[in-house]
Amino acid sequence: MRALKAVTLIGILALFMMTGIAMAQQMPNPYGPNVNLATAKKVAAAAAAEAAKIKINVVIAVVDTGGNLVYLERFDVVQWGSIDVAVNKAKSSIMFKRPTKAFENILSSGGNMTYLTLDGIRAIEGGVPIIENGRIIGAIGVSGGSSAQDGIVARAGAAQVQ
């Protein structure tokens, strides 16, 4: 019985370490200066254009490197719940320096459920870091469509910054 517990514990630790290593390699960019309002509006405008193109109503949130809201845009007919979801996707992305889809992928493939216990994790696509000159300056979070649609819109917004 002890041997089984030890093997199980070693397996869980190995899975956690492999998942952590994979995530650490996914978004190694350091933080940079905070996104300014003009850039946040540019990012949101590109995201809004993509949402209109694919005909979905969304909330778009842009946060700085501290997870503070810089800009929020809400389409007229989007559900109220999407406001907090968009902001939290952006915060999750900036806090962990990676797209929120990384967490969704880990969990959907049977990965470590421990991530769900970490404060700030939103394991659903739609949060993407905004990277300028190799540094993370903020993040965009989108909610209102399916998680895949939210991801498409968020990436379109983040792509406006190089």
N, C-alpha and C. Protein backbone atom coordinates (compact mmCIF):
# COMPACT_ATOMS: atom_id res chain seq x y z
N MET A 1 0.82 -1.19 0.00
CA MET A 1 0.00 0.00 0.00
C MET A 1 0.87 1.25 0.00
N ARG A 2 1.95 1.24 0.83
CA ARG A 2 2.85 2.39 0.87
C ARG A 2 3.53 2.58 -0.48
N ALA A 3 3.91 1.49 -1.09
CA ALA A 3 4.58 1.57 -2.39
C ALA A 3 3.65 2.19 -3.43
N LEU A 4 2.38 1.80 -3.40
CA LEU A 4 1.41 2.36 -4.33
C LEU A 4 1.24 3.86 -4.10
N LYS A 5 1.16 4.28 -2.84
CA LYS A 5 1.05 5.70 -2.53
C LYS A 5 2.28 6.46 -3.00
N ALA A 6 3.46 5.88 -2.80
CA ALA A 6 4.70 6.54 -3.22
C ALA A 6 4.75 6.68 -4.74
N VAL A 7 4.37 5.63 -5.45
CA VAL A 7 4.37 5.68 -6.91
C VAL A 7 3.36 6.71 -7.40
N THR A 8 2.19 6.74 -6.78
CA THR A 8 1.17 7.73 -7.16
C THR A 8 1.68 9.14 -6.92
N LEU A 9 2.28 9.37 -5.77
CA LEU A 9 2.81 10.69 -5.44
C LEU A 9 3.91 11.10 -6.42
N ILE A 10 4.80 10.19 -6.75
CA ILE A 10 5.87 10.49 -7.70
C ILE A 10 5.27 10.80 -9.07
N GLY A 11 4.27 10.05 -9.47
CA GLY A 11 3.61 10.32 -10.75
C GLY A 11 2.96 11.69 -10.80
N ILE A 12 2.28 12.05 -9.73
CA ILE A 12 1.63 13.37 -9.66
C ILE A 12 2.67 14.47 -9.69
N LEU A 13 3.75 14.31 -8.92
CA LEU A 13 4.81 15.32 -8.92
C LEU A 13 5.46 15.45 -10.29
N ALA A 14 5.70 14.33 -10.95
CA ALA A 14 6.31 14.38 -12.28
C ALA A 14 5.39 15.09 -13.27
N LEU A 15 4.11 14.79 -13.22
CA LEU A 15 3.15 15.46 -14.10
C LEU A 15 3.13 16.96 -13.83
N PHE A 16 3.12 17.33 -12.56
CA PHE A 16 3.11 18.75 -12.19
C PHE A 16 4.37 19.44 -12.70
N MET A 17 5.52 18.79 -12.53
CA MET A 17 6.78 19.39 -12.98
C MET A 17 6.82 19.52 -14.49
N MET A 18 6.38 18.49 -15.22
CA MET A 18 6.39 18.56 -16.68
C MET A 18 5.44 19.64 -17.17
N THR A 19 4.28 19.74 -16.56
CA THR A 19 3.32 20.76 -16.95
C THR A 19 3.87 22.14 -16.67
N GLY A 20 4.50 22.31 -15.51
CA GLY A 20 5.09 23.60 -15.16
C GLY A 20 6.21 23.98 -16.10
N ILE A 21 7.05 23.02 -16.48
CA ILE A 21 8.14 23.29 -17.41
C ILE A 21 7.58 23.69 -18.76
N ALA A 22 6.58 22.97 -19.24
CA ALA A 22 5.97 23.31 -20.54
C ALA A 22 5.38 24.70 -20.51
N MET A 23 4.72 25.05 -19.41
CA MET A 23 4.12 26.38 -19.32
C MET A 23 5.18 27.46 -19.23
N ALA A 24 6.26 27.20 -18.50
CA ALA A 24 7.31 28.20 -18.35
C ALA A 24 7.96 28.49 -19.70
N GLN A 25 8.07 27.50 -20.56
CA GLN A 25 8.69 27.69 -21.86
C GLN A 25 7.75 28.37 -22.85
N GLN A 26 6.47 28.38 -22.57
CA GLN A 26 5.49 28.90 -23.50
C GLN A 26 5.53 30.41 -23.63
N MET A 27 5.80 31.14 -22.56
CA MET A 27 5.76 32.59 -22.61
C MET A 27 6.86 33.17 -21.71
N PRO A 28 8.11 33.14 -22.16
CA PRO A 28 9.21 33.57 -21.30
C PRO A 28 9.45 35.08 -21.28
N ASN A 29 8.68 35.85 -22.01
CA ASN A 29 8.93 37.29 -22.12
C ASN A 29 8.88 37.97 -20.76
N PRO A 30 9.81 38.92 -20.52
CA PRO A 30 9.77 39.69 -19.27
C PRO A 30 8.71 40.79 -19.37
N TYR A 31 8.37 41.33 -18.21
CA TYR A 31 7.47 42.48 -18.20
C TYR A 31 8.22 43.71 -18.69
N GLY A 32 7.50 44.60 -19.33
CA GLY A 32 8.06 45.87 -19.77
C GLY A 32 7.29 47.01 -19.16
N PRO A 33 7.38 48.18 -19.78
CA PRO A 33 6.60 49.32 -19.28
C PRO A 33 5.11 49.05 -19.50
N ASN A 34 4.28 49.71 -18.73
CA ASN A 34 2.83 49.51 -18.84
C ASN A 34 2.27 50.01 -20.16
N VAL A 35 1.28 49.30 -20.66
CA VAL A 35 0.54 49.74 -21.84
C VAL A 35 -0.10 51.09 -21.53
N ASN A 36 -0.03 52.02 -22.49
CA ASN A 36 -0.68 53.32 -22.28
C ASN A 36 -2.08 53.30 -22.87
N LEU A 37 -2.85 54.34 -22.58
CA LEU A 37 -4.24 54.39 -23.01
C LEU A 37 -4.37 54.36 -24.53
N ALA A 38 -3.52 55.09 -25.24
CA ALA A 38 -3.60 55.12 -26.70
C ALA A 38 -3.39 53.72 -27.29
N THR A 39 -2.41 53.00 -26.77
CA THR A 39 -2.14 51.64 -27.26
C THR A 39 -3.28 50.71 -26.88
N ALA A 40 -3.80 50.85 -25.67
CA ALA A 40 -4.93 50.02 -25.24
C ALA A 40 -6.13 50.22 -26.15
N LYS A 41 -6.40 51.46 -26.53
CA LYS A 41 -7.52 51.74 -27.44
C LYS A 41 -7.27 51.16 -28.82
N LYS A 42 -6.02 51.20 -29.28
CA LYS A 42 -5.66 50.62 -30.59
C LYS A 42 -5.87 49.11 -30.58
N VAL A 43 -5.44 48.47 -29.51
CA VAL A 43 -5.63 47.02 -29.35
C VAL A 43 -7.12 46.68 -29.32
N ALA A 44 -7.88 47.43 -28.55
CA ALA A 44 -9.32 47.18 -28.44
C ALA A 44 -10.04 47.42 -29.76
N ALA A 45 -9.62 48.44 -30.50
CA ALA A 45 -10.25 48.73 -31.79
C ALA A 45 -10.04 47.58 -32.77
N ALA A 46 -8.84 47.03 -32.80
CA ALA A 46 -8.57 45.90 -33.69
C ALA A 46 -9.38 44.68 -33.26
N ALA A 47 -9.48 44.46 -31.97
CA ALA A 47 -10.28 43.34 -31.46
C ALA A 47 -11.75 43.53 -31.80
N ALA A 48 -12.25 44.75 -31.62
CA ALA A 48 -13.65 45.04 -31.93
C ALA A 48 -13.95 44.83 -33.41
N ALA A 49 -13.01 45.22 -34.26
CA ALA A 49 -13.19 45.02 -35.70
C ALA A 49 -13.27 43.53 -36.03
N GLU A 50 -12.43 42.73 -35.38
CA GLU A 50 -12.46 41.28 -35.61
C GLU A 50 -13.77 40.68 -35.10
N ALA A 51 -14.24 41.13 -33.95
CA ALA A 51 -15.51 40.64 -33.41
C ALA A 51 -16.66 40.97 -34.36
N ALA A 52 -16.66 42.18 -34.89
CA ALA A 52 -17.71 42.58 -35.84
C ALA A 52 -17.63 41.74 -37.11
N LYS A 53 -16.40 41.46 -37.54
CA LYS A 53 -16.19 40.66 -38.75
C LYS A 53 -16.77 39.25 -38.60
N ILE A 54 -16.59 38.66 -37.42
CA ILE A 54 -17.11 37.30 -37.22
C ILE A 54 -18.49 37.31 -36.55
N LYS A 55 -19.05 38.50 -36.43
CA LYS A 55 -20.43 38.70 -35.99
C LYS A 55 -20.71 38.17 -34.58
N ILE A 56 -19.88 38.60 -33.63
CA ILE A 56 -20.15 38.27 -32.23
C ILE A 56 -20.10 39.55 -31.39
N ASN A 57 -20.86 39.55 -30.32
CA ASN A 57 -20.88 40.67 -29.37
C ASN A 57 -19.98 40.32 -28.19
N VAL A 58 -19.07 41.22 -27.86
CA VAL A 58 -18.08 40.92 -26.84
C VAL A 58 -17.83 42.09 -25.90
N VAL A 59 -17.14 41.77 -24.83
CA VAL A 59 -16.52 42.76 -23.96
C VAL A 59 -15.02 42.60 -24.16
N ILE A 60 -14.32 43.72 -24.29
CA ILE A 60 -12.88 43.73 -24.49
C ILE A 60 -12.26 44.50 -23.32
N ALA A 61 -11.35 43.86 -22.60
CA ALA A 61 -10.67 44.50 -21.48
C ALA A 61 -9.17 44.50 -21.74
N VAL A 62 -8.52 45.62 -21.46
CA VAL A 62 -7.07 45.72 -21.57
C VAL A 62 -6.54 46.13 -20.20
N VAL A 63 -5.56 45.35 -19.69
CA VAL A 63 -4.96 45.64 -18.39
C VAL A 63 -3.47 45.92 -18.56
N ASP A 64 -2.89 46.60 -17.56
CA ASP A 64 -1.46 46.87 -17.57
C ASP A 64 -0.72 45.70 -16.92
N THR A 65 0.59 45.84 -16.71
CA THR A 65 1.38 44.72 -16.18
C THR A 65 1.04 44.38 -14.74
N GLY A 66 0.36 45.25 -14.05
CA GLY A 66 -0.09 44.96 -12.69
C GLY A 66 -1.49 44.39 -12.64
N GLY A 67 -2.11 44.19 -13.80
CA GLY A 67 -3.47 43.68 -13.86
C GLY A 67 -4.53 44.74 -13.64
N ASN A 68 -4.13 46.01 -13.70
CA ASN A 68 -5.07 47.11 -13.51
C ASN A 68 -5.75 47.44 -14.83
N LEU A 69 -7.04 47.64 -14.78
CA LEU A 69 -7.81 47.93 -15.98
C LEU A 69 -7.39 49.28 -16.57
N VAL A 70 -7.03 49.27 -17.86
CA VAL A 70 -6.66 50.48 -18.58
C VAL A 70 -7.80 50.92 -19.48
N TYR A 71 -8.47 49.92 -20.10
CA TYR A 71 -9.54 50.26 -21.06
C TYR A 71 -10.52 49.10 -21.13
N LEU A 72 -11.80 49.43 -21.22
CA LEU A 72 -12.83 48.41 -21.37
C LEU A 72 -13.84 48.89 -22.40
N GLU A 73 -14.17 48.00 -23.31
CA GLU A 73 -15.19 48.30 -24.32
C GLU A 73 -16.22 47.18 -24.30
N ARG A 74 -17.50 47.57 -24.26
CA ARG A 74 -18.58 46.59 -24.21
C ARG A 74 -19.54 46.85 -25.36
N PHE A 75 -19.75 45.81 -26.19
CA PHE A 75 -20.75 45.93 -27.24
C PHE A 75 -22.12 46.09 -26.59
N ASP A 76 -23.03 46.72 -27.29
CA ASP A 76 -24.33 47.07 -26.71
C ASP A 76 -25.16 45.89 -26.22
N VAL A 77 -25.12 44.77 -26.91
CA VAL A 77 -26.04 43.67 -26.57
C VAL A 77 -25.34 42.44 -25.99
N VAL A 78 -24.20 42.62 -25.40
CA VAL A 78 -23.49 41.49 -24.80
C VAL A 78 -24.03 41.22 -23.39
N GLN A 79 -23.96 39.97 -22.95
CA GLN A 79 -24.45 39.64 -21.61
C GLN A 79 -23.57 40.28 -20.54
N TRP A 80 -24.18 40.66 -19.42
CA TRP A 80 -23.47 41.37 -18.35
C TRP A 80 -22.33 40.55 -17.76
N GLY A 81 -22.50 39.25 -17.70
CA GLY A 81 -21.47 38.39 -17.12
C GLY A 81 -20.14 38.47 -17.83
N SER A 82 -20.17 38.85 -19.10
CA SER A 82 -18.93 38.91 -19.88
C SER A 82 -17.99 40.02 -19.43
N ILE A 83 -18.51 41.01 -18.71
CA ILE A 83 -17.64 42.10 -18.25
C ILE A 83 -16.56 41.56 -17.32
N ASP A 84 -16.97 40.90 -16.24
CA ASP A 84 -16.00 40.36 -15.30
C ASP A 84 -15.15 39.26 -15.92
N VAL A 85 -15.74 38.45 -16.78
CA VAL A 85 -14.99 37.37 -17.41
C VAL A 85 -13.86 37.95 -18.27
N ALA A 86 -14.14 38.97 -19.06
CA ALA A 86 -13.11 39.57 -19.92
C ALA A 86 -11.98 40.16 -19.08
N VAL A 87 -12.34 40.90 -18.03
CA VAL A 87 -11.32 41.49 -17.16
C VAL A 87 -10.47 40.40 -16.51
N ASN A 88 -11.11 39.35 -16.04
CA ASN A 88 -10.38 38.28 -15.37
C ASN A 88 -9.52 37.46 -16.32
N LYS A 89 -9.94 37.31 -17.57
CA LYS A 89 -9.08 36.65 -18.56
C LYS A 89 -7.82 37.47 -18.79
N ALA A 90 -7.97 38.79 -18.91
CA ALA A 90 -6.81 39.66 -19.11
C ALA A 90 -5.88 39.59 -17.90
N LYS A 91 -6.44 39.63 -16.71
CA LYS A 91 -5.63 39.57 -15.49
C LYS A 91 -4.89 38.24 -15.39
N SER A 92 -5.56 37.15 -15.70
CA SER A 92 -4.93 35.83 -15.65
C SER A 92 -3.76 35.76 -16.63
N SER A 93 -3.96 36.30 -17.82
CA SER A 93 -2.92 36.28 -18.83
C SER A 93 -1.70 37.09 -18.39
N ILE A 94 -1.91 38.26 -17.81
CA ILE A 94 -0.78 39.09 -17.40
C ILE A 94 -0.09 38.51 -16.17
N MET A 95 -0.85 37.96 -15.25
CA MET A 95 -0.26 37.41 -14.02
C MET A 95 0.66 36.23 -14.30
N PHE A 96 0.30 35.42 -15.29
CA PHE A 96 1.06 34.21 -15.56
C PHE A 96 1.85 34.27 -16.87
N LYS A 97 1.88 35.45 -17.51
CA LYS A 97 2.70 35.70 -18.70
C LYS A 97 2.42 34.72 -19.84
N ARG A 98 1.17 34.38 -20.03
CA ARG A 98 0.83 33.45 -21.12
C ARG A 98 -0.64 33.58 -21.46
N PRO A 99 -1.00 33.11 -22.65
CA PRO A 99 -2.43 33.10 -23.01
C PRO A 99 -3.21 32.17 -22.07
N THR A 100 -4.44 32.52 -21.79
CA THR A 100 -5.26 31.68 -20.92
C THR A 100 -5.54 30.33 -21.57
N LYS A 101 -5.41 30.24 -22.87
CA LYS A 101 -5.60 28.97 -23.57
C LYS A 101 -4.59 27.93 -23.09
N ALA A 102 -3.43 28.36 -22.62
CA ALA A 102 -2.43 27.41 -22.10
C ALA A 102 -3.02 26.60 -20.95
N PHE A 103 -3.75 27.26 -20.07
CA PHE A 103 -4.38 26.56 -18.95
C PHE A 103 -5.54 25.69 -19.43
N GLU A 104 -6.31 26.20 -20.38
CA GLU A 104 -7.41 25.41 -20.94
C GLU A 104 -6.86 24.12 -21.56
N ASN A 105 -5.76 24.24 -22.30
CA ASN A 105 -5.17 23.06 -22.94
C ASN A 105 -4.70 22.04 -21.92
N ILE A 106 -4.07 22.51 -20.86
CA ILE A 106 -3.58 21.60 -19.82
C ILE A 106 -4.73 20.82 -19.21
N LEU A 107 -5.78 21.52 -18.84
CA LEU A 107 -6.91 20.86 -18.18
C LEU A 107 -7.70 19.98 -19.13
N SER A 108 -7.87 20.41 -20.37
CA SER A 108 -8.67 19.61 -21.31
C SER A 108 -7.95 18.34 -21.73
N SER A 109 -6.62 18.30 -21.56
CA SER A 109 -5.88 17.10 -21.92
C SER A 109 -5.65 16.20 -20.70
N GLY A 110 -6.38 16.47 -19.63
CA GLY A 110 -6.26 15.64 -18.44
C GLY A 110 -5.12 16.06 -17.54
N GLY A 111 -4.62 17.26 -17.72
CA GLY A 111 -3.49 17.76 -16.92
C GLY A 111 -3.87 18.05 -15.49
N ASN A 112 -2.93 18.63 -14.80
CA ASN A 112 -3.04 18.85 -13.37
C ASN A 112 -4.17 19.81 -13.01
N MET A 113 -5.13 19.32 -12.27
CA MET A 113 -6.28 20.13 -11.84
C MET A 113 -5.90 21.13 -10.75
N THR A 114 -4.70 21.01 -10.21
CA THR A 114 -4.25 21.94 -9.17
C THR A 114 -4.29 23.37 -9.66
N TYR A 115 -4.12 23.58 -10.95
CA TYR A 115 -4.14 24.94 -11.50
C TYR A 115 -5.46 25.66 -11.18
N LEU A 116 -6.52 24.91 -11.04
CA LEU A 116 -7.82 25.52 -10.74
C LEU A 116 -7.87 26.11 -9.34
N THR A 117 -6.95 25.71 -8.48
CA THR A 117 -6.93 26.23 -7.11
C THR A 117 -6.09 27.50 -6.98
N LEU A 118 -5.33 27.85 -8.00
CA LEU A 118 -4.48 29.03 -7.95
C LEU A 118 -5.31 30.29 -8.15
N ASP A 119 -5.08 31.28 -7.32
CA ASP A 119 -5.80 32.55 -7.46
C ASP A 119 -5.52 33.16 -8.82
N GLY A 120 -6.56 33.62 -9.47
CA GLY A 120 -6.40 34.34 -10.72
C GLY A 120 -6.40 33.51 -11.98
N ILE A 121 -6.39 32.20 -11.88
CA ILE A 121 -6.37 31.36 -13.08
C ILE A 121 -7.74 31.37 -13.75
N ARG A 122 -7.76 31.65 -15.03
CA ARG A 122 -8.96 31.51 -15.85
C ARG A 122 -8.58 30.55 -16.97
N ALA A 123 -9.01 29.32 -16.83
CA ALA A 123 -8.62 28.27 -17.76
C ALA A 123 -9.57 28.20 -18.94
N ILE A 124 -9.69 29.32 -19.64
CA ILE A 124 -10.57 29.39 -20.81
C ILE A 124 -9.97 30.40 -21.78
N GLU A 125 -9.98 30.06 -23.03
CA GLU A 125 -9.36 30.90 -24.06
C GLU A 125 -9.99 32.29 -24.11
N GLY A 126 -9.15 33.27 -24.43
CA GLY A 126 -9.64 34.64 -24.57
C GLY A 126 -8.80 35.68 -23.86
N GLY A 127 -7.76 35.26 -23.16
CA GLY A 127 -6.82 36.19 -22.54
C GLY A 127 -5.46 36.03 -23.20
N VAL A 128 -4.87 37.15 -23.65
CA VAL A 128 -3.61 37.09 -24.40
C VAL A 128 -2.70 38.24 -23.96
N PRO A 129 -1.41 37.95 -23.71
CA PRO A 129 -0.48 39.03 -23.39
C PRO A 129 -0.29 39.97 -24.59
N ILE A 130 -0.02 41.22 -24.30
CA ILE A 130 0.31 42.21 -25.33
C ILE A 130 1.82 42.41 -25.23
N ILE A 131 2.52 42.10 -26.32
CA ILE A 131 3.98 42.13 -26.30
C ILE A 131 4.50 43.21 -27.25
N GLU A 132 5.37 44.06 -26.71
CA GLU A 132 5.99 45.12 -27.50
C GLU A 132 7.50 45.03 -27.31
N ASN A 133 8.24 44.92 -28.41
CA ASN A 133 9.70 44.81 -28.35
C ASN A 133 10.16 43.69 -27.41
N GLY A 134 9.47 42.56 -27.46
CA GLY A 134 9.85 41.40 -26.66
C GLY A 134 9.48 41.47 -25.19
N ARG A 135 8.76 42.50 -24.80
CA ARG A 135 8.37 42.66 -23.39
C ARG A 135 6.84 42.71 -23.27
N ILE A 136 6.33 42.11 -22.21
CA ILE A 136 4.89 42.12 -21.97
C ILE A 136 4.52 43.46 -21.35
N ILE A 137 3.65 44.20 -22.04
CA ILE A 137 3.25 45.53 -21.56
C ILE A 137 1.82 45.54 -21.02
N GLY A 138 1.12 44.45 -21.19
CA GLY A 138 -0.27 44.36 -20.74
C GLY A 138 -0.88 43.09 -21.27
N ALA A 139 -2.20 43.01 -21.18
CA ALA A 139 -2.91 41.85 -21.70
C ALA A 139 -4.31 42.27 -22.09
N ILE A 140 -4.88 41.52 -23.02
CA ILE A 140 -6.26 41.73 -23.46
C ILE A 140 -7.08 40.52 -23.07
N GLY A 141 -8.29 40.76 -22.62
CA GLY A 141 -9.23 39.70 -22.32
C GLY A 141 -10.52 39.95 -23.07
N VAL A 142 -11.07 38.91 -23.65
CA VAL A 142 -12.29 39.03 -24.45
C VAL A 142 -13.29 37.97 -23.98
N SER A 143 -14.56 38.36 -23.87
CA SER A 143 -15.62 37.43 -23.51
C SER A 143 -16.90 37.83 -24.22
N GLY A 144 -17.67 36.82 -24.60
CA GLY A 144 -18.95 37.06 -25.25
C GLY A 144 -19.29 36.01 -26.29
N GLY A 145 -18.27 35.48 -26.94
CA GLY A 145 -18.47 34.42 -27.92
C GLY A 145 -18.10 33.09 -27.30
N SER A 146 -17.84 32.10 -28.14
CA SER A 146 -17.29 30.84 -27.64
C SER A 146 -15.85 31.13 -27.21
N SER A 147 -15.25 30.23 -26.47
CA SER A 147 -13.86 30.49 -26.05
C SER A 147 -12.94 30.60 -27.27
N ALA A 148 -13.18 29.79 -28.30
CA ALA A 148 -12.35 29.88 -29.52
C ALA A 148 -12.53 31.24 -30.20
N GLN A 149 -13.76 31.72 -30.28
CA GLN A 149 -14.01 33.04 -30.87
C GLN A 149 -13.36 34.14 -30.04
N ASP A 150 -13.48 34.04 -28.73
CA ASP A 150 -12.85 35.02 -27.85
C ASP A 150 -11.34 35.05 -28.09
N GLY A 151 -10.75 33.89 -28.27
CA GLY A 151 -9.31 33.81 -28.54
C GLY A 151 -8.93 34.46 -29.85
N ILE A 152 -9.72 34.24 -30.88
CA ILE A 152 -9.46 34.86 -32.19
C ILE A 152 -9.49 36.37 -32.06
N VAL A 153 -10.49 36.88 -31.37
CA VAL A 153 -10.64 38.33 -31.20
C VAL A 153 -9.49 38.90 -30.37
N ALA A 154 -9.13 38.23 -29.29
CA ALA A 154 -8.04 38.70 -28.43
C ALA A 154 -6.71 38.72 -29.18
N ARG A 155 -6.44 37.68 -29.95
CA ARG A 155 -5.18 37.63 -30.71
C ARG A 155 -5.13 38.73 -31.77
N ALA A 156 -6.27 39.02 -32.39
CA ALA A 156 -6.33 40.10 -33.38
C ALA A 156 -5.99 41.44 -32.72
N GLY A 157 -6.47 41.65 -31.52
CA GLY A 157 -6.15 42.88 -30.81
C GLY A 157 -4.69 42.95 -30.42
N ALA A 158 -4.18 41.89 -29.82
CA ALA A 158 -2.78 41.87 -29.37
C ALA A 158 -1.81 42.00 -30.54
N ALA A 159 -2.20 41.53 -31.72
CA ALA A 159 -1.33 41.59 -32.90
C ALA A 159 -1.08 43.01 -33.38
N GLN A 160 -1.83 43.97 -32.89
CA GLN A 160 -1.64 45.37 -33.30
C GLN A 160 -0.38 45.98 -32.70
N VAL A 161 0.19 45.31 -31.71
CA VAL A 161 1.41 45.79 -31.07
C VAL A 161 2.54 44.85 -31.46
N GLN A 162 3.65 45.40 -31.81
CA GLN A 162 4.80 44.56 -32.23
C GLN A 162 5.90 44.61 -31.20
